Every structure is written in structure tokens, then in C-alpha cells.
All heavy atoms as atom14 arrays in JSON, in Angstrom:
{
  "sequence": "MPELITVIRVIPGSYGMAEDEEVERIAMEIAMDYERSQGRDPEDVSK",
  "atom14_mask": [
    [1, 1, 1, 1, 1, 1, 1, 1, 0, 0, 0, 0, 0, 0],
    [1, 1, 1, 1, 1, 1, 1, 0, 0, 0, 0, 0, 0, 0],
    [1, 1, 1, 1, 1, 1, 1, 1, 1, 0, 0, 0, 0, 0],
    [1, 1, 1, 1, 1, 1, 1, 1, 0, 0, 0, 0, 0, 0],
    [1, 1, 1, 1, 1, 1, 1, 1, 0, 0, 0, 0, 0, 0],
    [1, 1, 1, 1, 1, 1, 1, 0, 0, 0, 0, 0, 0, 0],
    [1, 1, 1, 1, 1, 1, 1, 0, 0, 0, 0, 0, 0, 0],
    [1, 1, 1, 1, 1, 1, 1, 1, 0, 0, 0, 0, 0, 0],
    [1, 1, 1, 1, 1, 1, 1, 1, 1, 1, 1, 0, 0, 0],
    [1, 1, 1, 1, 1, 1, 1, 0, 0, 0, 0, 0, 0, 0],
    [1, 1, 1, 1, 1, 1, 1, 1, 0, 0, 0, 0, 0, 0],
    [1, 1, 1, 1, 1, 1, 1, 0, 0, 0, 0, 0, 0, 0],
    [1, 1, 1, 1, 0, 0, 0, 0, 0, 0, 0, 0, 0, 0],
    [1, 1, 1, 1, 1, 1, 0, 0, 0, 0, 0, 0, 0, 0],
    [1, 1, 1, 1, 1, 1, 1, 1, 1, 1, 1, 1, 0, 0],
    [1, 1, 1, 1, 0, 0, 0, 0, 0, 0, 0, 0, 0, 0],
    [1, 1, 1, 1, 1, 1, 1, 1, 0, 0, 0, 0, 0, 0],
    [1, 1, 1, 1, 1, 0, 0, 0, 0, 0, 0, 0, 0, 0],
    [1, 1, 1, 1, 1, 1, 1, 1, 1, 0, 0, 0, 0, 0],
    [1, 1, 1, 1, 1, 1, 1, 1, 0, 0, 0, 0, 0, 0],
    [1, 1, 1, 1, 1, 1, 1, 1, 1, 0, 0, 0, 0, 0],
    [1, 1, 1, 1, 1, 1, 1, 1, 1, 0, 0, 0, 0, 0],
    [1, 1, 1, 1, 1, 1, 1, 0, 0, 0, 0, 0, 0, 0],
    [1, 1, 1, 1, 1, 1, 1, 1, 1, 0, 0, 0, 0, 0],
    [1, 1, 1, 1, 1, 1, 1, 1, 1, 1, 1, 0, 0, 0],
    [1, 1, 1, 1, 1, 1, 1, 1, 0, 0, 0, 0, 0, 0],
    [1, 1, 1, 1, 1, 0, 0, 0, 0, 0, 0, 0, 0, 0],
    [1, 1, 1, 1, 1, 1, 1, 1, 0, 0, 0, 0, 0, 0],
    [1, 1, 1, 1, 1, 1, 1, 1, 1, 0, 0, 0, 0, 0],
    [1, 1, 1, 1, 1, 1, 1, 1, 0, 0, 0, 0, 0, 0],
    [1, 1, 1, 1, 1, 0, 0, 0, 0, 0, 0, 0, 0, 0],
    [1, 1, 1, 1, 1, 1, 1, 1, 0, 0, 0, 0, 0, 0],
    [1, 1, 1, 1, 1, 1, 1, 1, 0, 0, 0, 0, 0, 0],
    [1, 1, 1, 1, 1, 1, 1, 1, 1, 1, 1, 1, 0, 0],
    [1, 1, 1, 1, 1, 1, 1, 1, 1, 0, 0, 0, 0, 0],
    [1, 1, 1, 1, 1, 1, 1, 1, 1, 1, 1, 0, 0, 0],
    [1, 1, 1, 1, 1, 1, 0, 0, 0, 0, 0, 0, 0, 0],
    [1, 1, 1, 1, 1, 1, 1, 1, 1, 0, 0, 0, 0, 0],
    [1, 1, 1, 1, 0, 0, 0, 0, 0, 0, 0, 0, 0, 0],
    [1, 1, 1, 1, 1, 1, 1, 1, 1, 1, 1, 0, 0, 0],
    [1, 1, 1, 1, 1, 1, 1, 1, 0, 0, 0, 0, 0, 0],
    [1, 1, 1, 1, 1, 1, 1, 0, 0, 0, 0, 0, 0, 0],
    [1, 1, 1, 1, 1, 1, 1, 1, 1, 0, 0, 0, 0, 0],
    [1, 1, 1, 1, 1, 1, 1, 1, 0, 0, 0, 0, 0, 0],
    [1, 1, 1, 1, 1, 1, 1, 0, 0, 0, 0, 0, 0, 0],
    [1, 1, 1, 1, 1, 1, 0, 0, 0, 0, 0, 0, 0, 0],
    [1, 1, 1, 1, 1, 1, 1, 1, 1, 0, 0, 0, 0, 0]
  ],
  "atom14_positions": [
    [[89.88, 124.35, 71.35], [90.04, 123.61, 72.6], [91.07, 122.5, 72.41], [91.0, 121.75, 71.43], [88.71, 123.0, 73.05], [87.76, 124.02, 73.63], [88.42, 124.82, 75.13], [88.41, 123.44, 76.28], [0.0, 0.0, 0.0], [0.0, 0.0, 0.0], [0.0, 0.0, 0.0], [0.0, 0.0, 0.0], [0.0, 0.0, 0.0], [0.0, 0.0, 0.0]],
    [[92.05, 122.39, 73.3], [93.05, 121.33, 73.15], [92.41, 119.95, 73.2], [91.49, 119.7, 73.99], [93.98, 121.55, 74.34], [93.2, 122.38, 75.32], [92.26, 123.2, 74.51], [0.0, 0.0, 0.0], [0.0, 0.0, 0.0], [0.0, 0.0, 0.0], [0.0, 0.0, 0.0], [0.0, 0.0, 0.0], [0.0, 0.0, 0.0], [0.0, 0.0, 0.0]],
    [[92.87, 119.06, 72.33], [92.3, 117.72, 72.24], [93.19, 116.73, 73.01], [94.38, 116.66, 72.78], [92.21, 117.29, 70.78], [91.62, 115.91, 70.57], [91.62, 115.49, 69.12], [91.84, 116.35, 68.25], [91.41, 114.27, 68.87], [0.0, 0.0, 0.0], [0.0, 0.0, 0.0], [0.0, 0.0, 0.0], [0.0, 0.0, 0.0], [0.0, 0.0, 0.0]],
    [[92.58, 115.98, 73.91], [93.32, 115.0, 74.7], [93.74, 113.83, 73.82], [92.91, 113.2, 73.15], [92.47, 114.49, 75.86], [93.11, 113.43, 76.76], [94.35, 113.98, 77.47], [92.11, 112.91, 77.78], [0.0, 0.0, 0.0], [0.0, 0.0, 0.0], [0.0, 0.0, 0.0], [0.0, 0.0, 0.0], [0.0, 0.0, 0.0], [0.0, 0.0, 0.0]],
    [[95.04, 113.55, 73.78], [95.55, 112.41, 73.02], [95.55, 111.16, 73.89], [95.02, 110.12, 73.53], [96.98, 112.68, 72.51], [97.0, 113.92, 71.6], [97.53, 111.47, 71.77], [98.4, 114.38, 71.24], [0.0, 0.0, 0.0], [0.0, 0.0, 0.0], [0.0, 0.0, 0.0], [0.0, 0.0, 0.0], [0.0, 0.0, 0.0], [0.0, 0.0, 0.0]],
    [[96.17, 111.29, 75.09], [96.2, 110.18, 76.03], [96.7, 110.68, 77.38], [97.13, 111.83, 77.52], [97.12, 109.04, 75.52], [96.94, 107.87, 76.32], [98.58, 109.45, 75.56], [0.0, 0.0, 0.0], [0.0, 0.0, 0.0], [0.0, 0.0, 0.0], [0.0, 0.0, 0.0], [0.0, 0.0, 0.0], [0.0, 0.0, 0.0], [0.0, 0.0, 0.0]],
    [[96.65, 109.81, 78.37], [97.24, 110.09, 79.68], [98.01, 108.85, 80.11], [97.59, 107.72, 79.84], [96.16, 110.44, 80.73], [95.14, 109.32, 80.89], [96.81, 110.77, 82.07], [0.0, 0.0, 0.0], [0.0, 0.0, 0.0], [0.0, 0.0, 0.0], [0.0, 0.0, 0.0], [0.0, 0.0, 0.0], [0.0, 0.0, 0.0], [0.0, 0.0, 0.0]],
    [[99.17, 109.07, 80.73], [99.93, 107.93, 81.24], [100.14, 108.1, 82.74], [100.2, 109.22, 83.25], [101.3, 107.77, 80.55], [102.23, 108.96, 80.89], [101.14, 107.62, 79.05], [103.67, 108.74, 80.49], [0.0, 0.0, 0.0], [0.0, 0.0, 0.0], [0.0, 0.0, 0.0], [0.0, 0.0, 0.0], [0.0, 0.0, 0.0], [0.0, 0.0, 0.0]],
    [[100.2, 106.99, 83.44], [100.51, 106.97, 84.86], [102.01, 106.74, 84.99], [102.57, 105.85, 84.33], [99.75, 105.83, 85.55], [100.07, 105.66, 87.03], [99.3, 106.64, 87.86], [99.43, 106.35, 89.29], [100.31, 106.88, 90.1], [101.19, 107.76, 89.64], [100.32, 106.59, 91.38], [0.0, 0.0, 0.0], [0.0, 0.0, 0.0], [0.0, 0.0, 0.0]],
    [[102.67, 107.54, 85.81], [104.11, 107.38, 86.03], [104.32, 107.01, 87.49], [103.84, 107.71, 88.39], [104.89, 108.67, 85.7], [106.39, 108.41, 85.82], [104.56, 109.17, 84.31], [0.0, 0.0, 0.0], [0.0, 0.0, 0.0], [0.0, 0.0, 0.0], [0.0, 0.0, 0.0], [0.0, 0.0, 0.0], [0.0, 0.0, 0.0], [0.0, 0.0, 0.0]],
    [[105.04, 105.92, 87.71], [105.33, 105.47, 89.07], [106.85, 105.42, 89.25], [107.58, 105.17, 88.29], [104.7, 104.09, 89.37], [105.19, 103.05, 88.37], [103.18, 104.18, 89.35], [104.67, 101.64, 88.61], [0.0, 0.0, 0.0], [0.0, 0.0, 0.0], [0.0, 0.0, 0.0], [0.0, 0.0, 0.0], [0.0, 0.0, 0.0], [0.0, 0.0, 0.0]],
    [[107.33, 105.66, 90.47], [108.78, 105.6, 90.71], [109.3, 104.19, 90.49], [108.7, 103.22, 90.95], [108.93, 106.02, 92.17], [107.63, 106.69, 92.52], [106.58, 106.03, 91.68], [0.0, 0.0, 0.0], [0.0, 0.0, 0.0], [0.0, 0.0, 0.0], [0.0, 0.0, 0.0], [0.0, 0.0, 0.0], [0.0, 0.0, 0.0], [0.0, 0.0, 0.0]],
    [[110.41, 104.06, 89.75], [111.02, 102.76, 89.54], [112.01, 102.44, 90.65], [112.34, 103.29, 91.48], [0.0, 0.0, 0.0], [0.0, 0.0, 0.0], [0.0, 0.0, 0.0], [0.0, 0.0, 0.0], [0.0, 0.0, 0.0], [0.0, 0.0, 0.0], [0.0, 0.0, 0.0], [0.0, 0.0, 0.0], [0.0, 0.0, 0.0], [0.0, 0.0, 0.0]],
    [[112.49, 101.21, 90.66], [113.47, 100.82, 91.68], [114.56, 100.0, 91.01], [114.53, 98.8, 90.99], [112.79, 99.98, 92.78], [112.1, 98.88, 92.22], [0.0, 0.0, 0.0], [0.0, 0.0, 0.0], [0.0, 0.0, 0.0], [0.0, 0.0, 0.0], [0.0, 0.0, 0.0], [0.0, 0.0, 0.0], [0.0, 0.0, 0.0], [0.0, 0.0, 0.0]],
    [[115.52, 100.74, 90.43], [116.6, 100.08, 89.7], [117.97, 100.49, 90.24], [118.98, 100.4, 89.57], [116.52, 100.44, 88.2], [115.18, 100.14, 87.6], [114.23, 101.16, 87.44], [114.84, 98.85, 87.21], [112.99, 100.89, 86.89], [113.6, 98.57, 86.66], [112.68, 99.6, 86.5], [111.45, 99.33, 85.97], [0.0, 0.0, 0.0], [0.0, 0.0, 0.0]],
    [[117.99, 101.03, 91.45], [119.26, 101.49, 92.0], [119.74, 102.77, 91.33], [120.92, 103.09, 91.4], [0.0, 0.0, 0.0], [0.0, 0.0, 0.0], [0.0, 0.0, 0.0], [0.0, 0.0, 0.0], [0.0, 0.0, 0.0], [0.0, 0.0, 0.0], [0.0, 0.0, 0.0], [0.0, 0.0, 0.0], [0.0, 0.0, 0.0], [0.0, 0.0, 0.0]],
    [[118.82, 103.49, 90.68], [119.19, 104.72, 89.96], [118.47, 105.94, 90.52], [118.45, 106.99, 89.9], [118.84, 104.58, 88.48], [119.58, 103.49, 87.76], [119.12, 103.43, 86.03], [119.99, 101.96, 85.51], [0.0, 0.0, 0.0], [0.0, 0.0, 0.0], [0.0, 0.0, 0.0], [0.0, 0.0, 0.0], [0.0, 0.0, 0.0], [0.0, 0.0, 0.0]],
    [[117.82, 105.78, 91.65], [117.06, 106.89, 92.21], [117.96, 108.09, 92.49], [119.08, 107.95, 92.97], [116.36, 106.44, 93.49], [0.0, 0.0, 0.0], [0.0, 0.0, 0.0], [0.0, 0.0, 0.0], [0.0, 0.0, 0.0], [0.0, 0.0, 0.0], [0.0, 0.0, 0.0], [0.0, 0.0, 0.0], [0.0, 0.0, 0.0], [0.0, 0.0, 0.0]],
    [[117.44, 109.27, 92.17], [118.21, 110.5, 92.37], [117.75, 111.19, 93.65], [116.57, 111.18, 93.99], [118.02, 111.44, 91.17], [118.56, 110.86, 89.87], [118.28, 111.76, 88.68], [117.65, 112.83, 88.86], [118.69, 111.4, 87.55], [0.0, 0.0, 0.0], [0.0, 0.0, 0.0], [0.0, 0.0, 0.0], [0.0, 0.0, 0.0], [0.0, 0.0, 0.0]],
    [[118.68, 111.81, 94.36], [118.39, 112.57, 95.56], [118.21, 114.03, 95.16], [119.15, 114.66, 94.67], [119.55, 112.42, 96.56], [119.25, 113.07, 97.9], [118.77, 114.22, 97.9], [119.51, 112.44, 98.94], [0.0, 0.0, 0.0], [0.0, 0.0, 0.0], [0.0, 0.0, 0.0], [0.0, 0.0, 0.0], [0.0, 0.0, 0.0], [0.0, 0.0, 0.0]],
    [[117.02, 114.55, 95.33], [116.72, 115.91, 94.86], [117.61, 116.95, 95.52], [118.02, 117.93, 94.87], [115.24, 116.23, 95.08], [114.31, 115.4, 94.21], [112.87, 115.88, 94.27], [112.63, 117.09, 94.09], [111.98, 115.04, 94.51], [0.0, 0.0, 0.0], [0.0, 0.0, 0.0], [0.0, 0.0, 0.0], [0.0, 0.0, 0.0], [0.0, 0.0, 0.0]],
    [[117.92, 116.79, 96.79], [118.77, 117.75, 97.48], [120.2, 117.71, 96.93], [120.82, 118.76, 96.71], [118.79, 117.45, 98.99], [119.69, 118.37, 99.82], [119.29, 119.83, 99.78], [118.16, 120.14, 99.31], [120.1, 120.69, 100.2], [0.0, 0.0, 0.0], [0.0, 0.0, 0.0], [0.0, 0.0, 0.0], [0.0, 0.0, 0.0], [0.0, 0.0, 0.0]],
    [[120.7, 116.51, 96.68], [122.04, 116.35, 96.11], [122.09, 116.98, 94.72], [123.04, 117.69, 94.37], [122.44, 114.86, 96.06], [123.69, 114.67, 95.21], [122.67, 114.32, 97.46], [0.0, 0.0, 0.0], [0.0, 0.0, 0.0], [0.0, 0.0, 0.0], [0.0, 0.0, 0.0], [0.0, 0.0, 0.0], [0.0, 0.0, 0.0], [0.0, 0.0, 0.0]],
    [[121.04, 116.73, 93.93], [120.99, 117.28, 92.56], [120.92, 118.82, 92.61], [121.53, 119.49, 91.78], [119.79, 116.72, 91.81], [119.86, 115.22, 91.52], [121.01, 114.86, 90.58], [121.37, 115.68, 89.72], [121.57, 113.75, 90.73], [0.0, 0.0, 0.0], [0.0, 0.0, 0.0], [0.0, 0.0, 0.0], [0.0, 0.0, 0.0], [0.0, 0.0, 0.0]],
    [[120.18, 119.36, 93.57], [120.06, 120.82, 93.7], [121.43, 121.44, 94.02], [121.81, 122.45, 93.42], [119.05, 121.17, 94.8], [118.79, 122.66, 94.95], [117.99, 122.95, 96.2], [118.71, 122.61, 97.43], [119.68, 123.36, 97.95], [120.06, 124.49, 97.35], [120.28, 122.99, 99.07], [0.0, 0.0, 0.0], [0.0, 0.0, 0.0], [0.0, 0.0, 0.0]],
    [[122.15, 120.82, 94.95], [123.48, 121.33, 95.32], [124.43, 121.24, 94.12], [125.19, 122.17, 93.84], [124.04, 120.53, 96.51], [123.23, 120.82, 97.78], [125.52, 120.87, 96.74], [123.56, 119.92, 98.95], [0.0, 0.0, 0.0], [0.0, 0.0, 0.0], [0.0, 0.0, 0.0], [0.0, 0.0, 0.0], [0.0, 0.0, 0.0], [0.0, 0.0, 0.0]],
    [[124.35, 120.12, 93.39], [125.22, 119.94, 92.22], [124.95, 121.02, 91.17], [125.88, 121.55, 90.56], [125.0, 118.55, 91.63], [0.0, 0.0, 0.0], [0.0, 0.0, 0.0], [0.0, 0.0, 0.0], [0.0, 0.0, 0.0], [0.0, 0.0, 0.0], [0.0, 0.0, 0.0], [0.0, 0.0, 0.0], [0.0, 0.0, 0.0], [0.0, 0.0, 0.0]],
    [[123.67, 121.35, 90.98], [123.31, 122.4, 90.02], [123.89, 123.75, 90.46], [124.41, 124.52, 89.64], [121.8, 122.5, 89.88], [121.2, 121.46, 88.94], [121.64, 121.72, 87.2], [120.76, 123.25, 86.84], [0.0, 0.0, 0.0], [0.0, 0.0, 0.0], [0.0, 0.0, 0.0], [0.0, 0.0, 0.0], [0.0, 0.0, 0.0], [0.0, 0.0, 0.0]],
    [[123.79, 124.05, 91.75], [124.33, 125.32, 92.27], [125.84, 125.41, 92.03], [126.35, 126.45, 91.61], [124.02, 125.46, 93.76], [122.57, 125.79, 94.06], [122.34, 125.96, 95.56], [123.32, 125.83, 96.34], [121.18, 126.23, 95.95], [0.0, 0.0, 0.0], [0.0, 0.0, 0.0], [0.0, 0.0, 0.0], [0.0, 0.0, 0.0], [0.0, 0.0, 0.0]],
    [[126.54, 124.31, 92.3], [127.99, 124.29, 92.12], [128.35, 124.49, 90.64], [129.26, 125.25, 90.3], [128.58, 122.96, 92.66], [128.47, 122.93, 94.19], [130.03, 122.78, 92.21], [128.8, 121.59, 94.81], [0.0, 0.0, 0.0], [0.0, 0.0, 0.0], [0.0, 0.0, 0.0], [0.0, 0.0, 0.0], [0.0, 0.0, 0.0], [0.0, 0.0, 0.0]],
    [[127.61, 123.81, 89.77], [127.87, 123.93, 88.34], [127.59, 125.35, 87.84], [128.38, 125.91, 87.05], [127.02, 122.92, 87.57], [0.0, 0.0, 0.0], [0.0, 0.0, 0.0], [0.0, 0.0, 0.0], [0.0, 0.0, 0.0], [0.0, 0.0, 0.0], [0.0, 0.0, 0.0], [0.0, 0.0, 0.0], [0.0, 0.0, 0.0], [0.0, 0.0, 0.0]],
    [[126.48, 125.94, 88.27], [126.13, 127.3, 87.87], [127.18, 128.3, 88.37], [127.6, 129.2, 87.62], [124.75, 127.67, 88.41], [123.59, 126.85, 87.83], [123.07, 127.37, 86.19], [122.12, 128.84, 86.58], [0.0, 0.0, 0.0], [0.0, 0.0, 0.0], [0.0, 0.0, 0.0], [0.0, 0.0, 0.0], [0.0, 0.0, 0.0], [0.0, 0.0, 0.0]],
    [[127.6, 128.14, 89.62], [128.62, 129.04, 90.19], [129.94, 128.92, 89.43], [130.62, 129.92, 89.18], [128.85, 128.72, 91.68], [127.67, 129.16, 92.55], [126.87, 129.98, 92.07], [127.57, 128.69, 93.69], [0.0, 0.0, 0.0], [0.0, 0.0, 0.0], [0.0, 0.0, 0.0], [0.0, 0.0, 0.0], [0.0, 0.0, 0.0], [0.0, 0.0, 0.0]],
    [[130.29, 127.69, 89.07], [131.53, 127.49, 88.33], [131.47, 128.2, 86.97], [132.44, 128.86, 86.56], [131.79, 125.99, 88.11], [132.99, 125.73, 87.22], [134.28, 125.85, 87.7], [132.81, 125.38, 85.88], [135.38, 125.63, 86.87], [133.89, 125.17, 85.04], [135.17, 125.3, 85.55], [136.25, 125.09, 84.73], [0.0, 0.0, 0.0], [0.0, 0.0, 0.0]],
    [[130.35, 128.07, 86.29], [130.21, 128.72, 84.98], [130.35, 130.23, 85.1], [131.01, 130.88, 84.29], [128.87, 128.34, 84.35], [128.81, 126.93, 83.81], [129.87, 126.69, 82.75], [129.73, 127.22, 81.63], [130.86, 125.98, 83.05], [0.0, 0.0, 0.0], [0.0, 0.0, 0.0], [0.0, 0.0, 0.0], [0.0, 0.0, 0.0], [0.0, 0.0, 0.0]],
    [[129.71, 130.8, 86.12], [129.81, 132.26, 86.31], [131.25, 132.66, 86.61], [131.73, 133.7, 86.15], [128.89, 132.7, 87.45], [127.4, 132.51, 87.15], [126.53, 133.15, 88.23], [125.14, 132.75, 88.09], [124.55, 131.8, 88.8], [125.24, 131.14, 89.75], [123.28, 131.49, 88.61], [0.0, 0.0, 0.0], [0.0, 0.0, 0.0], [0.0, 0.0, 0.0]],
    [[131.96, 131.82, 87.4], [133.34, 132.15, 87.74], [134.25, 132.13, 86.52], [135.32, 132.76, 86.51], [133.88, 131.16, 88.79], [134.13, 129.88, 88.21], [0.0, 0.0, 0.0], [0.0, 0.0, 0.0], [0.0, 0.0, 0.0], [0.0, 0.0, 0.0], [0.0, 0.0, 0.0], [0.0, 0.0, 0.0], [0.0, 0.0, 0.0], [0.0, 0.0, 0.0]],
    [[133.83, 131.43, 85.46], [134.62, 131.36, 84.23], [134.19, 132.42, 83.2], [134.62, 132.38, 82.05], [134.46, 129.96, 83.61], [134.95, 128.82, 84.49], [136.42, 128.97, 84.86], [137.27, 129.07, 83.98], [136.7, 129.0, 86.17], [0.0, 0.0, 0.0], [0.0, 0.0, 0.0], [0.0, 0.0, 0.0], [0.0, 0.0, 0.0], [0.0, 0.0, 0.0]],
    [[133.32, 133.33, 83.65], [132.91, 134.42, 82.77], [131.81, 134.07, 81.8], [131.54, 134.82, 80.85], [0.0, 0.0, 0.0], [0.0, 0.0, 0.0], [0.0, 0.0, 0.0], [0.0, 0.0, 0.0], [0.0, 0.0, 0.0], [0.0, 0.0, 0.0], [0.0, 0.0, 0.0], [0.0, 0.0, 0.0], [0.0, 0.0, 0.0], [0.0, 0.0, 0.0]],
    [[131.14, 132.94, 82.03], [130.03, 132.57, 81.15], [128.69, 132.88, 81.81], [128.63, 133.11, 83.02], [130.12, 131.07, 80.8], [131.31, 130.75, 79.87], [131.32, 129.29, 79.45], [131.78, 128.41, 80.52], [133.04, 128.06, 80.72], [134.0, 128.55, 79.93], [133.38, 127.25, 81.71], [0.0, 0.0, 0.0], [0.0, 0.0, 0.0], [0.0, 0.0, 0.0]],
    [[127.65, 132.86, 81.0], [126.3, 133.2, 81.48], [125.44, 131.94, 81.43], [124.87, 131.61, 80.39], [125.71, 134.3, 80.6], [124.32, 134.73, 81.06], [123.99, 134.49, 82.24], [123.57, 135.28, 80.24], [0.0, 0.0, 0.0], [0.0, 0.0, 0.0], [0.0, 0.0, 0.0], [0.0, 0.0, 0.0], [0.0, 0.0, 0.0], [0.0, 0.0, 0.0]],
    [[125.31, 131.22, 82.56], [124.55, 129.97, 82.56], [123.05, 130.18, 82.77], [122.64, 131.08, 83.5], [125.15, 129.21, 83.74], [125.55, 130.28, 84.71], [125.96, 131.48, 83.87], [0.0, 0.0, 0.0], [0.0, 0.0, 0.0], [0.0, 0.0, 0.0], [0.0, 0.0, 0.0], [0.0, 0.0, 0.0], [0.0, 0.0, 0.0], [0.0, 0.0, 0.0]],
    [[122.25, 129.35, 82.12], [120.79, 129.37, 82.29], [120.32, 127.97, 82.67], [120.64, 126.99, 82.0], [120.13, 129.81, 80.98], [118.61, 129.82, 81.03], [117.97, 130.1, 79.69], [118.71, 130.26, 78.69], [116.73, 130.14, 79.62], [0.0, 0.0, 0.0], [0.0, 0.0, 0.0], [0.0, 0.0, 0.0], [0.0, 0.0, 0.0], [0.0, 0.0, 0.0]],
    [[119.57, 127.88, 83.75], [119.04, 126.6, 84.22], [117.83, 126.2, 83.37], [116.79, 126.85, 83.42], [118.64, 126.72, 85.69], [118.13, 125.41, 86.28], [117.9, 124.45, 85.51], [117.94, 125.34, 87.51], [0.0, 0.0, 0.0], [0.0, 0.0, 0.0], [0.0, 0.0, 0.0], [0.0, 0.0, 0.0], [0.0, 0.0, 0.0], [0.0, 0.0, 0.0]],
    [[117.96, 125.15, 82.58], [116.86, 124.67, 81.74], [116.5, 123.23, 82.11], [115.93, 122.49, 81.32], [117.22, 124.76, 80.24], [117.36, 126.2, 79.78], [118.5, 123.98, 79.93], [0.0, 0.0, 0.0], [0.0, 0.0, 0.0], [0.0, 0.0, 0.0], [0.0, 0.0, 0.0], [0.0, 0.0, 0.0], [0.0, 0.0, 0.0], [0.0, 0.0, 0.0]],
    [[116.83, 122.84, 83.33], [116.66, 121.45, 83.75], [115.21, 120.99, 83.73], [114.93, 119.8, 83.56], [117.26, 121.24, 85.15], [116.68, 122.14, 86.09], [0.0, 0.0, 0.0], [0.0, 0.0, 0.0], [0.0, 0.0, 0.0], [0.0, 0.0, 0.0], [0.0, 0.0, 0.0], [0.0, 0.0, 0.0], [0.0, 0.0, 0.0], [0.0, 0.0, 0.0]],
    [[114.27, 121.92, 83.9], [112.85, 121.55, 83.92], [112.29, 121.29, 82.53], [111.18, 120.78, 82.38], [112.03, 122.66, 84.59], [112.35, 122.91, 86.06], [111.94, 121.75, 86.93], [112.13, 122.06, 88.41], [111.83, 120.88, 89.25], [0.0, 0.0, 0.0], [0.0, 0.0, 0.0], [0.0, 0.0, 0.0], [0.0, 0.0, 0.0], [0.0, 0.0, 0.0]]
  ]
}
């Protein structure tokens, strides 16, 4: 049985660095398409 080490609470910060998920998704699509256009085989490992 897996043994619990600890749990942490994560809350959104406010440092002017917040990312827009839709913008990031579009950026990933553009980057992936560019890689394919250059003959490479890209794999999304962002998660």
C-alpha cells in the first residue's frame, strides 16, 4: 500500500506572471505544427 508522505495546498499566486491557458494551448499547437513542417516528430510532454 502506498505510504502518504505529505500533502500540500497550492493556491494561485499573483505576481504578474499568470499564464492564459488558451494562449498557451495555441502556442503549443503552433510549435508542434512548426516541428512537423521541418520533418521532425514532436511529442507533447507538457503535463
